Amino acid sequence: MTPAERERVKAALQSYLTENSITVHDLAARMKAAGRKVDAKVLHRFLDRGLQIDDQIMEVYRGFVDTPS
């Protein structure tokens, strides 16, 4: 995954948080409800602390961004 794709996913997830007035933990719960395997701690570290995560996890996030349930 390219850095531009990573940034697009991150921006989309942050926008989703803002639009829905939810926390990272709420977002993780929604992702899990949509059938995606998500760890709230990893999601928090990615969104709030800017830590790098692997492409496999990014694909899960991108899947949610592209088709949120």
N, C-alpha and C. Protein backbone atom coordinates (compact mmCIF):
# COMPACT_ATOMS: atom_id res chain seq x y z
N MET A 1 0.85 -1.17 0.00
CA MET A 1 0.00 0.00 0.00
C MET A 1 0.90 1.23 0.00
N THR A 2 0.55 2.20 -0.81
CA THR A 2 1.37 3.41 -0.92
C THR A 2 1.10 4.36 0.23
N PRO A 3 2.04 5.26 0.51
CA PRO A 3 1.80 6.26 1.56
C PRO A 3 0.55 7.11 1.30
N ALA A 4 0.27 7.40 0.04
CA ALA A 4 -0.93 8.18 -0.30
C ALA A 4 -2.21 7.41 0.05
N GLU A 5 -2.21 6.10 -0.22
CA GLU A 5 -3.37 5.28 0.12
C GLU A 5 -3.56 5.22 1.64
N ARG A 6 -2.45 5.09 2.35
CA ARG A 6 -2.51 5.07 3.82
C ARG A 6 -3.12 6.37 4.35
N GLU A 7 -2.68 7.47 3.80
CA GLU A 7 -3.20 8.77 4.25
C GLU A 7 -4.67 8.93 3.91
N ARG A 8 -5.09 8.41 2.75
CA ARG A 8 -6.50 8.50 2.36
C ARG A 8 -7.36 7.71 3.35
N VAL A 9 -6.91 6.52 3.71
CA VAL A 9 -7.66 5.70 4.66
C VAL A 9 -7.70 6.38 6.02
N LYS A 10 -6.58 6.89 6.46
CA LYS A 10 -6.52 7.56 7.76
C LYS A 10 -7.46 8.76 7.79
N ALA A 11 -7.42 9.57 6.74
CA ALA A 11 -8.29 10.75 6.67
C ALA A 11 -9.76 10.34 6.65
N ALA A 12 -10.08 9.27 5.93
CA ALA A 12 -11.47 8.81 5.86
C ALA A 12 -11.94 8.30 7.21
N LEU A 13 -11.09 7.58 7.93
CA LEU A 13 -11.47 7.08 9.26
C LEU A 13 -11.64 8.24 10.24
N GLN A 14 -10.75 9.21 10.20
CA GLN A 14 -10.88 10.35 11.09
C GLN A 14 -12.13 11.16 10.77
N SER A 15 -12.45 11.29 9.50
CA SER A 15 -13.66 11.97 9.08
C SER A 15 -14.90 11.22 9.59
N TYR A 16 -14.85 9.90 9.50
CA TYR A 16 -15.96 9.07 9.99
C TYR A 16 -16.17 9.29 11.49
N LEU A 17 -15.08 9.36 12.24
CA LEU A 17 -15.17 9.61 13.67
C LEU A 17 -15.85 10.95 13.94
N THR A 18 -15.43 11.97 13.22
CA THR A 18 -15.96 13.31 13.41
C THR A 18 -17.44 13.39 13.01
N GLU A 19 -17.76 12.85 11.84
CA GLU A 19 -19.14 12.90 11.34
C GLU A 19 -20.11 12.21 12.27
N ASN A 20 -19.68 11.11 12.87
CA ASN A 20 -20.56 10.31 13.73
C ASN A 20 -20.40 10.62 15.21
N SER A 21 -19.50 11.53 15.54
CA SER A 21 -19.24 11.92 16.94
C SER A 21 -19.02 10.70 17.82
N ILE A 22 -18.10 9.83 17.38
CA ILE A 22 -17.80 8.62 18.14
C ILE A 22 -16.31 8.57 18.47
N THR A 23 -15.97 7.67 19.37
CA THR A 23 -14.57 7.48 19.76
C THR A 23 -13.95 6.38 18.90
N VAL A 24 -12.64 6.24 19.03
CA VAL A 24 -11.93 5.18 18.32
C VAL A 24 -12.47 3.82 18.75
N HIS A 25 -12.81 3.67 20.03
CA HIS A 25 -13.33 2.39 20.51
C HIS A 25 -14.70 2.09 19.91
N ASP A 26 -15.53 3.13 19.73
CA ASP A 26 -16.82 2.94 19.06
C ASP A 26 -16.63 2.52 17.61
N LEU A 27 -15.66 3.15 16.96
CA LEU A 27 -15.36 2.81 15.57
C LEU A 27 -14.92 1.35 15.47
N ALA A 28 -14.06 0.94 16.38
CA ALA A 28 -13.60 -0.46 16.39
C ALA A 28 -14.78 -1.40 16.57
N ALA A 29 -15.71 -1.04 17.43
CA ALA A 29 -16.90 -1.88 17.66
C ALA A 29 -17.73 -1.97 16.38
N ARG A 30 -17.87 -0.86 15.67
CA ARG A 30 -18.63 -0.87 14.41
C ARG A 30 -17.92 -1.72 13.36
N MET A 31 -16.61 -1.63 13.32
CA MET A 31 -15.85 -2.43 12.36
C MET A 31 -16.02 -3.92 12.68
N LYS A 32 -15.98 -4.26 13.96
CA LYS A 32 -16.17 -5.66 14.37
C LYS A 32 -17.57 -6.13 14.01
N ALA A 33 -18.56 -5.26 14.22
CA ALA A 33 -19.95 -5.61 13.88
C ALA A 33 -20.11 -5.84 12.38
N ALA A 34 -19.26 -5.19 11.60
CA ALA A 34 -19.30 -5.36 10.14
C ALA A 34 -18.51 -6.59 9.70
N GLY A 35 -18.00 -7.35 10.69
CA GLY A 35 -17.31 -8.60 10.36
C GLY A 35 -15.82 -8.47 10.14
N ARG A 36 -15.25 -7.35 10.55
CA ARG A 36 -13.80 -7.16 10.36
C ARG A 36 -13.08 -7.38 11.69
N LYS A 37 -11.92 -7.98 11.62
CA LYS A 37 -11.14 -8.25 12.83
C LYS A 37 -10.30 -7.02 13.14
N VAL A 38 -10.68 -6.29 14.17
CA VAL A 38 -10.04 -5.02 14.51
C VAL A 38 -9.71 -4.99 15.99
N ASP A 39 -8.54 -4.51 16.31
CA ASP A 39 -8.12 -4.29 17.69
C ASP A 39 -8.20 -2.79 17.97
N ALA A 40 -9.00 -2.40 18.94
CA ALA A 40 -9.18 -0.98 19.24
C ALA A 40 -7.87 -0.29 19.57
N LYS A 41 -6.95 -1.00 20.25
CA LYS A 41 -5.65 -0.40 20.60
C LYS A 41 -4.83 -0.07 19.35
N VAL A 42 -4.84 -0.99 18.39
CA VAL A 42 -4.10 -0.76 17.15
C VAL A 42 -4.71 0.40 16.38
N LEU A 43 -6.03 0.43 16.32
CA LEU A 43 -6.72 1.53 15.63
C LEU A 43 -6.39 2.86 16.30
N HIS A 44 -6.41 2.89 17.61
CA HIS A 44 -6.07 4.11 18.36
C HIS A 44 -4.63 4.54 18.08
N ARG A 45 -3.72 3.60 18.10
CA ARG A 45 -2.31 3.92 17.85
C ARG A 45 -2.12 4.48 16.45
N PHE A 46 -2.86 3.93 15.49
CA PHE A 46 -2.75 4.40 14.11
C PHE A 46 -3.33 5.81 13.96
N LEU A 47 -4.54 6.03 14.49
CA LEU A 47 -5.22 7.31 14.29
C LEU A 47 -4.70 8.42 15.19
N ASP A 48 -4.52 8.12 16.46
CA ASP A 48 -4.18 9.17 17.42
C ASP A 48 -2.69 9.36 17.63
N ARG A 49 -1.93 8.31 17.43
CA ARG A 49 -0.49 8.44 17.67
C ARG A 49 0.32 8.38 16.39
N GLY A 50 -0.32 8.06 15.29
CA GLY A 50 0.37 8.05 14.00
C GLY A 50 1.38 6.94 13.81
N LEU A 51 1.24 5.87 14.57
CA LEU A 51 2.19 4.77 14.43
C LEU A 51 1.92 3.98 13.16
N GLN A 52 2.96 3.44 12.60
CA GLN A 52 2.87 2.66 11.36
C GLN A 52 2.28 1.29 11.67
N ILE A 53 1.40 0.83 10.81
CA ILE A 53 0.85 -0.52 10.94
C ILE A 53 1.02 -1.24 9.62
N ASP A 54 0.92 -2.56 9.65
CA ASP A 54 1.21 -3.32 8.43
C ASP A 54 0.07 -3.25 7.41
N ASP A 55 0.40 -3.62 6.19
CA ASP A 55 -0.55 -3.50 5.08
C ASP A 55 -1.79 -4.37 5.25
N GLN A 56 -1.65 -5.51 5.90
CA GLN A 56 -2.80 -6.40 6.09
C GLN A 56 -3.86 -5.69 6.94
N ILE A 57 -3.43 -5.01 7.98
CA ILE A 57 -4.36 -4.25 8.82
C ILE A 57 -4.93 -3.07 8.04
N MET A 58 -4.09 -2.41 7.25
CA MET A 58 -4.56 -1.30 6.43
C MET A 58 -5.65 -1.74 5.47
N GLU A 59 -5.55 -2.94 4.94
CA GLU A 59 -6.57 -3.46 4.02
C GLU A 59 -7.91 -3.61 4.74
N VAL A 60 -7.88 -4.04 6.00
CA VAL A 60 -9.11 -4.14 6.79
C VAL A 60 -9.71 -2.75 6.96
N TYR A 61 -8.87 -1.77 7.29
CA TYR A 61 -9.36 -0.41 7.47
C TYR A 61 -9.91 0.15 6.16
N ARG A 62 -9.19 -0.11 5.07
CA ARG A 62 -9.63 0.39 3.76
C ARG A 62 -10.96 -0.25 3.38
N GLY A 63 -11.11 -1.53 3.69
CA GLY A 63 -12.38 -2.21 3.43
C GLY A 63 -13.55 -1.55 4.14
N PHE A 64 -13.30 -1.08 5.35
CA PHE A 64 -14.35 -0.38 6.08
C PHE A 64 -14.61 0.99 5.48
N VAL A 65 -13.54 1.68 5.12
CA VAL A 65 -13.67 3.01 4.52
C VAL A 65 -14.46 2.94 3.21
N ASP A 66 -14.15 1.95 2.39
CA ASP A 66 -14.77 1.84 1.08
C ASP A 66 -16.21 1.32 1.15
N THR A 67 -16.50 0.48 2.14
CA THR A 67 -17.87 -0.07 2.26
C THR A 67 -18.29 -0.17 3.73
N PRO A 68 -18.47 0.97 4.41
CA PRO A 68 -18.93 0.88 5.81
C PRO A 68 -20.33 0.30 5.88
N SER A 69 -20.60 -0.51 6.88
CA SER A 69 -21.92 -1.15 6.99
C SER A 69 -22.90 -0.22 7.66
